[in-house]
PDB file of N, CA and C in Angstrom:
ATOM      1  N   MET A   1      62.803 142.723 -18.740  1.00  0.00           N
ATOM      2  CA  MET A   1      62.041 143.547 -17.729  1.00  0.00           C
ATOM      3  C   MET A   1      62.248 145.198 -18.273  1.00  0.00           C
ATOM      4  N   ASN A   2      61.041 145.700 -18.150  1.00  0.00           N
ATOM      5  CA  ASN A   2      61.023 147.056 -18.593  1.00  0.00           C
ATOM      6  C   ASN A   2      61.130 147.964 -17.318  1.00  0.00           C
ATOM      7  N   ILE A   3      61.192 149.282 -17.729  1.00  0.00           N
ATOM      8  CA  ILE A   3      61.178 150.269 -16.873  1.00  0.00           C
ATOM      9  C   ILE A   3      59.836 150.402 -15.613  1.00  0.00           C
ATOM     10  N   VAL A   4      58.791 150.064 -16.241  1.00  0.00           N
ATOM     11  CA  VAL A   4      57.546 149.980 -15.495  1.00  0.00           C
ATOM     12  C   VAL A   4      57.680 148.762 -14.607  1.00  0.00           C
ATOM     13  N   ASN A   5      58.157 147.761 -14.671  1.00  0.00           N
ATOM     14  CA  ASN A   5      58.283 146.649 -13.836  1.00  0.00           C
ATOM     15  C   ASN A   5      59.350 146.969 -12.733  1.00  0.00           C
ATOM     16  N   ILE A   6      60.414 147.460 -13.056  1.00  0.00           N
ATOM     17  CA  ILE A   6      61.417 148.094 -12.165  1.00  0.00           C
ATOM     18  C   ILE A   6      60.842 148.962 -11.165  1.00  0.00           C
ATOM     19  N   ILE A   7      60.052 150.114 -11.659  1.00  0.00           N
ATOM     20  CA  ILE A   7      59.419 150.904 -10.772  1.00  0.00           C
ATOM     21  C   ILE A   7      58.257 150.446  -9.908  1.00  0.00           C
ATOM     22  N   GLU A   8      57.490 149.394 -10.504  1.00  0.00           N
ATOM     23  CA  GLU A   8      56.568 148.706  -9.736  1.00  0.00           C
ATOM     24  C   GLU A   8      57.278 147.932  -8.361  1.00  0.00           C
ATOM     25  N   ILE A   9      58.451 147.377  -8.764  1.00  0.00           N
ATOM     26  CA  ILE A   9      59.167 146.603  -7.749  1.00  0.00           C
ATOM     27  C   ILE A   9      59.501 147.736  -6.620  1.00  0.00           C
ATOM     28  N   ILE A  10      60.123 148.707  -6.929  1.00  0.00           N
ATOM     29  CA  ILE A  10      60.444 149.624  -6.142  1.00  0.00           C
ATOM     30  C   ILE A  10      59.338 150.411  -5.137  1.00  0.00           C
ATOM     31  N   TRP A  11      58.323 150.615  -6.073  1.00  0.00           N
ATOM     32  CA  TRP A  11      57.055 150.901  -5.321  1.00  0.00           C
ATOM     33  C   TRP A  11      56.574 149.969  -4.241  1.00  0.00           C
ATOM     34  N   CYS A  12      56.860 148.734  -4.465  1.00  0.00           N
ATOM     35  CA  CYS A  12      56.126 147.706  -3.593  1.00  0.00           C
ATOM     36  C   CYS A  12      57.280 147.575  -2.398  1.00  0.00           C
ATOM     37  N   VAL A  13      58.466 147.641  -2.530  1.00  0.00           N
ATOM     38  CA  VAL A  13      59.556 147.723  -1.762  1.00  0.00           C
ATOM     39  C   VAL A  13      59.282 148.911  -0.744  1.00  0.00           C
ATOM     40  N   SER A  14      58.945 150.070  -1.163  1.00  0.00           N
ATOM     41  CA  SER A  14      58.894 151.254  -0.542  1.00  0.00           C
ATOM     42  C   SER A  14      57.464 151.111   0.203  1.00  0.00           C
ATOM     43  N   ALA A  15      56.500 150.635  -0.304  1.00  0.00           N
ATOM     44  CA  ALA A  15      55.246 150.494   0.614  1.00  0.00           C
ATOM     45  C   ALA A  15      55.404 149.479   1.797  1.00  0.00           C
ATOM     46  N   PHE A  16      56.325 148.237   1.668  1.00  0.00           N
ATOM     47  CA  PHE A  16      56.546 147.453   2.818  1.00  0.00           C
ATOM     48  C   PHE A  16      57.394 148.099   3.709  1.00  0.00           C
ATOM     49  N   GLY A  17      58.520 149.009   3.163  1.00  0.00           N
ATOM     50  CA  GLY A  17      59.362 149.636   4.026  1.00  0.00           C
ATOM     51  C   GLY A  17      58.791 150.904   5.009  1.00  0.00           C
ATOM     52  N   LEU A  18      57.859 151.479   4.280  1.00  0.00           N
ATOM     53  CA  LEU A  18      56.951 152.555   4.794  1.00  0.00           C
ATOM     54  C   LEU A  18      56.136 151.880   5.985  1.00  0.00           C
ATOM     55  N   THR A  19      55.526 150.788   5.769  1.00  0.00           N
ATOM     56  CA  THR A  19      54.725 150.119   6.570  1.00  0.00           C
ATOM     57  C   THR A  19      55.505 149.775   8.002  1.00  0.00           C
ATOM     58  N   ALA A  20      56.698 149.302   7.671  1.00  0.00           N
ATOM     59  CA  ALA A  20      57.570 148.665   8.843  1.00  0.00           C
ATOM     60  C   ALA A  20      58.049 149.910   9.614  1.00  0.00           C
ATOM     61  N   MET A  21      58.496 151.122   8.882  1.00  0.00           N
ATOM     62  CA  MET A  21      59.028 152.385   9.625  1.00  0.00           C
ATOM     63  C   MET A  21      57.926 152.900  10.466  1.00  0.00           C
ATOM     64  N   VAL A  22      56.667 152.994   9.910  1.00  0.00           N
ATOM     65  CA  VAL A  22      55.467 153.392  10.678  1.00  0.00           C
ATOM     66  C   VAL A  22      55.331 152.451  11.972  1.00  0.00           C
ATOM     67  N   LEU A  23      55.429 151.370  11.904  1.00  0.00           N
ATOM     68  CA  LEU A  23      55.279 150.466  13.003  1.00  0.00           C
ATOM     69  C   LEU A  23      56.342 150.677  13.976  1.00  0.00           C
ATOM     70  N   LEU A  24      57.519 150.924  13.633  1.00  0.00           N
ATOM     71  CA  LEU A  24      58.619 151.100  14.686  1.00  0.00           C
ATOM     72  C   LEU A  24      58.467 152.397  15.434  1.00  0.00           C
ATOM     73  N   HIS A  25      57.856 153.171  14.998  1.00  0.00           N
ATOM     74  CA  HIS A  25      57.782 154.483  15.850  1.00  0.00           C
ATOM     75  C   HIS A  25      57.140 154.373  17.031  1.00  0.00           C
ATOM     76  N   SER A  26      57.663 155.113  17.991  1.00  0.00           N
ATOM     77  CA  SER A  26      57.142 155.069  19.334  1.00  0.00           C
ATOM     78  C   SER A  26      55.925 155.883  19.449  1.00  0.00           C
ATOM     79  N   PRO A  27      54.986 155.442  20.282  1.00  0.00           N
ATOM     80  CA  PRO A  27      53.705 156.332  20.358  1.00  0.00           C
ATOM     81  C   PRO A  27      53.824 157.610  20.871  1.00  0.00           C
ATOM     82  N   LYS A  28      53.258 158.742  20.431  1.00  0.00           N
ATOM     83  CA  LYS A  28      53.401 160.002  20.813  1.00  0.00           C
ATOM     84  C   LYS A  28      52.491 160.499  21.910  1.00  0.00           C
ATOM     85  N   GLY A  29      51.476 159.619  22.023  1.00  0.00           N
ATOM     86  CA  GLY A  29      50.424 159.957  22.880  1.00  0.00           C
ATOM     87  C   GLY A  29      50.709 159.213  24.301  1.00  0.00           C
ATOM     88  N   ASP A  30      50.248 159.861  25.264  1.00  0.00           N
ATOM     89  CA  ASP A  30      50.530 159.312  26.519  1.00  0.00           C
ATOM     90  C   ASP A  30      49.528 158.132  26.805  1.00  0.00           C
ATOM     91  N   GLY A  31      48.405 158.265  26.425  1.00  0.00           N
ATOM     92  CA  GLY A  31      47.263 157.179  26.396  1.00  0.00           C
ATOM     93  C   GLY A  31      46.962 157.071  27.955  1.00  0.00           C
ATOM     94  N   ILE A  32      46.853 155.793  28.416  1.00  0.00           N
ATOM     95  CA  ILE A  32      46.359 155.566  29.812  1.00  0.00           C
ATOM     96  C   ILE A  32      47.661 155.853  30.771  1.00  0.00           C
ATOM     97  N   GLY A  33      48.948 156.013  30.130  1.00  0.00           N
ATOM     98  CA  GLY A  33      50.019 156.322  31.165  1.00  0.00           C
ATOM     99  C   GLY A  33      49.933 157.752  31.536  1.00  0.00           C
ATOM    100  N   GLY A  34      49.219 158.653  30.925  1.00  0.00           N
ATOM    101  CA  GLY A  34      49.257 159.934  31.489  1.00  0.00           C
ATOM    102  C   GLY A  34      48.441 160.265  32.673  1.00  0.00           C
ATOM    103  N   ILE A  35      47.522 159.200  32.946  1.00  0.00           N
ATOM    104  CA  ILE A  35      46.522 159.262  34.183  1.00  0.00           C
ATOM    105  C   ILE A  35      47.403 159.205  35.271  1.00  0.00           C
ATOM    106  N   GLY A  36      48.281 158.094  35.430  1.00  0.00           N
ATOM    107  CA  GLY A  36      49.057 157.868  36.457  1.00  0.00           C
ATOM    108  C   GLY A  36      50.245 158.513  36.842  1.00  0.00           C
ATOM    109  N   GLY A  37      50.406 159.823  36.029  1.00  0.00           N
ATOM    110  CA  GLY A  37      51.564 160.477  36.377  1.00  0.00           C
ATOM    111  C   GLY A  37      52.846 159.978  35.718  1.00  0.00           C
ATOM    112  N   GLN A  38      52.888 159.261  34.775  1.00  0.00           N
ATOM    113  CA  GLN A  38      54.062 158.382  34.289  1.00  0.00           C
ATOM    114  C   GLN A  38      54.344 159.304  32.848  1.00  0.00           C
ATOM    115  N   ALA A  39      53.524 160.371  32.462  1.00  0.00           N
ATOM    116  CA  ALA A  39      53.926 160.831  31.258  1.00  0.00           C
ATOM    117  C   ALA A  39      54.981 161.765  31.389  1.00  0.00           C
ATOM    118  N   GLN A  40      55.809 162.034  30.416  1.00  0.00           N
ATOM    119  CA  GLN A  40      57.271 163.087  30.538  1.00  0.00           C
ATOM    120  C   GLN A  40      56.477 164.197  29.776  1.00  0.00           C
ATOM    121  N   LEU A  41      56.764 165.398  30.356  1.00  0.00           N
ATOM    122  CA  LEU A  41      56.143 166.374  29.876  1.00  0.00           C
ATOM    123  C   LEU A  41      56.991 167.145  28.813  1.00  0.00           C
ATOM    124  N   PHE A  42      58.484 166.984  29.089  1.00  0.00           N
ATOM    125  CA  PHE A  42      59.329 167.383  28.279  1.00  0.00           C
ATOM    126  C   PHE A  42      60.482 166.304  27.801  1.00  0.00           C
ATOM    127  N   SER A  43      60.201 165.655  26.694  1.00  0.00           N
ATOM    128  CA  SER A  43      61.197 164.735  26.191  1.00  0.00           C
ATOM    129  C   SER A  43      62.093 165.059  25.085  1.00  0.00           C
ATOM    130  N   SER A  44      63.245 164.717  25.187  1.00  0.00           N
ATOM    131  CA  SER A  44      64.292 165.151  24.123  1.00  0.00           C
ATOM    132  C   SER A  44      64.196 164.347  22.966  1.00  0.00           C
ATOM    133  N   THR A  45      64.432 164.748  21.761  1.00  0.00           N
ATOM    134  CA  THR A  45      64.279 163.806  20.636  1.00  0.00           C
ATOM    135  C   THR A  45      65.625 163.162  20.372  1.00  0.00           C
ATOM    136  N   LYS A  46      65.497 161.941  20.544  1.00  0.00           N
ATOM    137  CA  LYS A  46      66.969 161.061  20.311  1.00  0.00           C
ATOM    138  C   LYS A  46      67.190 161.066  18.806  1.00  0.00           C
ATOM    139  N   SER A  47      68.615 160.947  18.671  1.00  0.00           N
ATOM    140  CA  SER A  47      69.033 160.868  17.307  1.00  0.00           C
ATOM    141  C   SER A  47      68.447 159.509  16.541  1.00  0.00           C
ATOM    142  N   ALA A  48      68.291 158.704  17.153  1.00  0.00           N
ATOM    143  CA  ALA A  48      67.594 157.373  16.612  1.00  0.00           C
ATOM    144  C   ALA A  48      66.180 157.691  15.790  1.00  0.00           C
ATOM    145  N   GLU A  49      65.366 158.367  16.786  1.00  0.00           N
ATOM    146  CA  GLU A  49      64.039 158.744  16.453  1.00  0.00           C
ATOM    147  C   GLU A  49      63.984 159.823  15.339  1.00  0.00           C
ATOM    148  N   SER A  50      65.068 160.814  15.288  1.00  0.00           N
ATOM    149  CA  SER A  50      65.035 161.658  14.065  1.00  0.00           C
ATOM    150  C   SER A  50      65.624 160.987  12.846  1.00  0.00           C
ATOM    151  N   ASN A  51      66.404 159.911  12.810  1.00  0.00           N
ATOM    152  CA  ASN A  51      66.811 159.095  11.864  1.00  0.00           C
ATOM    153  C   ASN A  51      65.813 158.321  11.365  1.00  0.00           C
ATOM    154  N   LEU A  52      64.834 157.868  12.189  1.00  0.00           N
ATOM    155  CA  LEU A  52      63.707 156.978  11.821  1.00  0.00           C
ATOM    156  C   LEU A  52      62.671 157.934  11.012  1.00  0.00           C
ATOM    157  N   ASN A  53      62.582 159.068  11.773  1.00  0.00           N
ATOM    158  CA  ASN A  53      61.549 160.187  10.944  1.00  0.00           C
ATOM    159  C   ASN A  53      62.056 160.551   9.572  1.00  0.00           C
ATOM    160  N   ARG A  54      63.410 160.778   9.434  1.00  0.00           N
ATOM    161  CA  ARG A  54      63.926 161.071   8.278  1.00  0.00           C
ATOM    162  C   ARG A  54      63.643 159.668   7.088  1.00  0.00           C
ATOM    163  N   ILE A  55      63.881 158.637   7.492  1.00  0.00           N
ATOM    164  CA  ILE A  55      63.601 157.342   6.765  1.00  0.00           C
ATOM    165  C   ILE A  55      62.229 157.248   6.265  1.00  0.00           C
ATOM    166  N   THR A  56      61.422 157.443   7.348  1.00  0.00           N
ATOM    167  CA  THR A  56      59.989 157.326   7.180  1.00  0.00           C
ATOM    168  C   THR A  56      59.564 158.426   5.962  1.00  0.00           C
ATOM    169  N   TRP A  57      59.924 159.560   6.081  1.00  0.00           N
ATOM    170  CA  TRP A  57      59.520 160.793   5.267  1.00  0.00           C
ATOM    171  C   TRP A  57      60.051 160.399   3.849  1.00  0.00           C
ATOM    172  N   GLY A  58      61.403 159.925   3.632  1.00  0.00           N
ATOM    173  CA  GLY A  58      61.912 159.801   2.475  1.00  0.00           C
ATOM    174  C   GLY A  58      61.050 158.483   1.887  1.00  0.00           C
ATOM    175  N   LEU A  59      60.908 157.352   2.540  1.00  0.00           N
ATOM    176  CA  LEU A  59      59.821 156.583   1.876  1.00  0.00           C
ATOM    177  C   LEU A  59      58.545 156.760   1.639  1.00  0.00           C
ATOM    178  N   PHE A  60      57.919 157.746   2.222  1.00  0.00           N
ATOM    179  CA  PHE A  60      56.814 158.411   2.071  1.00  0.00           C
ATOM    180  C   PHE A  60      56.664 159.041   0.603  1.00  0.00           C
ATOM    181  N   LEU A  61      57.873 159.925   0.426  1.00  0.00           N
ATOM    182  CA  LEU A  61      57.965 160.723  -0.736  1.00  0.00           C
ATOM    183  C   LEU A  61      58.112 159.772  -1.959  1.00  0.00           C
ATOM    184  N   VAL A  62      58.945 158.740  -1.737  1.00  0.00           N
ATOM    185  CA  VAL A  62      59.098 157.892  -2.822  1.00  0.00           C
ATOM    186  C   VAL A  62      57.883 157.010  -3.285  1.00  0.00           C
ATOM    187  N   PHE A  63      57.135 156.656  -2.135  1.00  0.00           N
ATOM    188  CA  PHE A  63      56.025 155.960  -2.483  1.00  0.00           C
ATOM    189  C   PHE A  63      54.886 156.896  -3.228  1.00  0.00           C
ATOM    190  N   ILE A  64      54.843 158.036  -2.562  1.00  0.00           N
ATOM    191  CA  ILE A  64      53.630 158.973  -3.215  1.00  0.00           C
ATOM    192  C   ILE A  64      54.079 159.435  -4.533  1.00  0.00           C
ATOM    193  N   THR A  65      55.408 159.527  -4.952  1.00  0.00           N
ATOM    194  CA  THR A  65      55.641 159.910  -6.231  1.00  0.00           C
ATOM    195  C   THR A  65      55.635 158.943  -7.367  1.00  0.00           C
ATOM    196  N   LEU A  66      55.987 157.636  -6.840  1.00  0.00           N
ATOM    197  CA  LEU A  66      55.869 156.509  -7.747  1.00  0.00           C
ATOM    198  C   LEU A  66      54.572 156.169  -8.053  1.00  0.00           C
ATOM    199  N   THR A  67      53.522 156.248  -6.864  1.00  0.00           N
ATOM    200  CA  THR A  67      52.139 156.159  -7.152  1.00  0.00           C
ATOM    201  C   THR A  67      51.438 157.007  -8.084  1.00  0.00           C
ATOM    202  N   ILE A  68      51.840 158.203  -8.105  1.00  0.00           N
ATOM    203  CA  ILE A  68      51.366 159.157  -8.984  1.00  0.00           C
ATOM    204  C   ILE A  68      51.926 158.896 -10.518  1.00  0.00           C
ATOM    205  N   ILE A  69      53.064 158.517 -10.560  1.00  0.00           N
ATOM    206  CA  ILE A  69      53.615 158.244 -11.928  1.00  0.00           C
ATOM    207  C   ILE A  69      53.169 156.911 -12.422  1.00  0.00           C
ATOM    208  N   LEU A  70      52.777 155.966 -11.504  1.00  0.00           N
ATOM    209  CA  LEU A  70      52.454 155.004 -12.200  1.00  0.00           C
ATOM    210  C   LEU A  70      50.770 154.960 -12.435  1.00  0.00           C
ATOM    211  N   SER A  71      50.183 155.773 -11.565  1.00  0.00           N
ATOM    212  CA  SER A  71      48.706 155.925 -11.848  1.00  0.00           C
ATOM    213  C   SER A  71      48.304 156.896 -12.937  1.00  0.00           C
ATOM    214  N   ALA A  72      49.229 157.567 -13.282  1.00  0.00           N
ATOM    215  CA  ALA A  72      49.037 158.622 -14.491  1.00  0.00           C
ATOM    216  C   ALA A  72      49.373 157.898 -15.818  1.00  0.00           C
ATOM    217  N   GLY A  73      50.210 157.114 -15.770  1.00  0.00           N
ATOM    218  CA  GLY A  73      50.452 156.242 -16.951  1.00  0.00           C
ATOM    219  C   GLY A  73      51.441 156.882 -17.687  1.00  0.00           C
ATOM    220  N   TRP A  74      52.377 157.642 -17.259  1.00  0.00           N
ATOM    221  CA  TRP A  74      53.329 158.248 -17.953  1.00  0.00           C
ATOM    222  C   TRP A  74      54.490 157.429 -18.650  1.00  0.00           C
ATOM    223  N   LEU A  75      54.627 156.369 -18.130  1.00  0.00           N
ATOM    224  CA  LEU A  75      55.630 155.532 -18.564  1.00  0.00           C
ATOM    225  C   LEU A  75      55.219 154.472 -19.555  1.00  0.00           C
ATOM    226  N   THR A  76      54.019 154.483 -19.885  1.00  0.00           N
ATOM    227  CA  THR A  76      53.592 153.458 -21.039  1.00  0.00           C
ATOM    228  C   THR A  76      54.144 153.895 -22.401  1.00  0.00           C
ATOM    229  N   THR A  77      54.121 152.922 -23.300  1.00  0.00           N
ATOM    230  CA  THR A  77      54.654 153.375 -24.573  1.00  0.00           C
ATOM    231  C   THR A  77      53.650 153.921 -25.439  1.00  0.00           C
ATOM    232  N   GLY A  78      52.392 153.979 -25.073  1.00  0.00           N
ATOM    233  CA  GLY A  78      51.437 154.605 -25.860  1.00  0.00           C
ATOM    234  C   GLY A  78      50.543 153.472 -26.680  1.00  0.00           C
ATOM    235  N   THR A  79      50.810 152.260 -26.594  1.00  0.00           N
ATOM    236  CA  THR A  79      50.207 151.194 -27.269  1.00  0.00           C
ATOM    237  C   THR A  79      49.134 150.621 -26.414  1.00  0.00           C
ATOM    238  N   ALA A  80      48.039 150.447 -27.028  1.00  0.00           N
ATOM    239  CA  ALA A  80      46.912 150.081 -26.323  1.00  0.00           C
ATOM    240  C   ALA A  80      46.967 148.473 -26.229  1.00  0.00           C
ATOM    241  N   PRO A  81      46.501 147.730 -25.369  1.00  0.00           N
ATOM    242  CA  PRO A  81      46.616 146.434 -25.226  1.00  0.00           C
ATOM    243  C   PRO A  81      45.497 145.825 -26.388  1.00  0.00           C
ATOM    244  N   ALA A  82      45.897 144.874 -26.969  1.00  0.00           N
ATOM    245  CA  ALA A  82      44.849 143.865 -28.014  1.00  0.00           C
ATOM    246  C   ALA A  82      43.513 143.760 -27.598  1.00  0.00           C
ATOM    247  N   PRO A  83      42.430 144.125 -28.159  1.00  0.00           N
ATOM    248  CA  PRO A  83      41.122 143.743 -27.703  1.00  0.00           C
ATOM    249  C   PRO A  83      40.820 142.237 -27.601  1.00  0.00           C
ATOM    250  N   VAL A  84      39.971 141.867 -26.527  1.00  0.00           N
ATOM    251  CA  VAL A  84      39.886 140.517 -26.260  1.00  0.00           C
ATOM    252  C   VAL A  84      38.753 140.142 -27.071  1.00  0.00           C
ATOM    253  N   ALA A  85      38.526 138.990 -27.796  1.00  0.00           N
ATOM    254  CA  ALA A  85      37.431 138.607 -28.523  1.00  0.00           C
ATOM    255  C   ALA A  85      36.480 137.783 -27.575  1.00  0.00           C
ATOM    256  N   ILE A  86      35.205 138.153 -27.285  1.00  0.00           N
ATOM    257  CA  ILE A  86      34.238 137.596 -26.656  1.00  0.00           C
ATOM    258  C   ILE A  86      33.650 136.548 -27.197  1.00  0.00           C
ATOM    259  N   PRO A  87      33.508 135.073 -26.816  1.00  0.00           N
ATOM    260  CA  PRO A  87      32.930 133.888 -27.627  1.00  0.00           C
ATOM    261  C   PRO A  87      31.490 134.320 -27.520  1.00  0.00           C
ATOM    262  N   SER A  88      30.992 133.859 -28.591  1.00  0.00           N
ATOM    263  CA  SER A  88      29.310 133.856 -28.764  1.00  0.00           C
ATOM    264  C   SER A  88      28.935 132.544 -27.839  1.00  0.00           C
ATOM    265  N   LEU A  89      27.597 132.709 -27.659  1.00  0.00           N
ATOM    266  CA  LEU A  89      26.817 131.554 -26.935  1.00  0.00           C
ATOM    267  C   LEU A  89      26.123 130.732 -27.709  1.00  0.00           C
ATOM    268  N   GLY A  90      26.486 130.517 -28.846  1.00  0.00           N
ATOM    269  CA  GLY A  90      25.884 129.564 -29.811  1.00  0.00           C
ATOM    270  C   GLY A  90      25.002 130.220 -30.854  1.00  0.00           C
ATOM    271  N   ASN A  91      25.174 131.495 -30.931  1.00  0.00           N
ATOM    272  CA  ASN A  91      24.520 132.083 -32.026  1.00  0.00           C
ATOM    273  C   ASN A  91      25.159 131.905 -33.438  1.00  0.00           C
TER     274      ASN A  91
END
């Protein structure tokens, strides 16, 4: 297992973690609840929500950084893959 495989595994875990963290966030908009007067004008930020924000931003930075590194090809050894022979069709 080389470094590229390890980074790809971390990249996939961060992608799934980021998806889960985004889904765990509470909605910021009032939506239809704002029509009935149920919206809170001033709500305090709870420590759980701020920790959730920190984890989400951290996973986002890991995901974006690894995406750039993997897509740029900075970790490859510089050897090109062997060319694939294309079989002829009876010529």
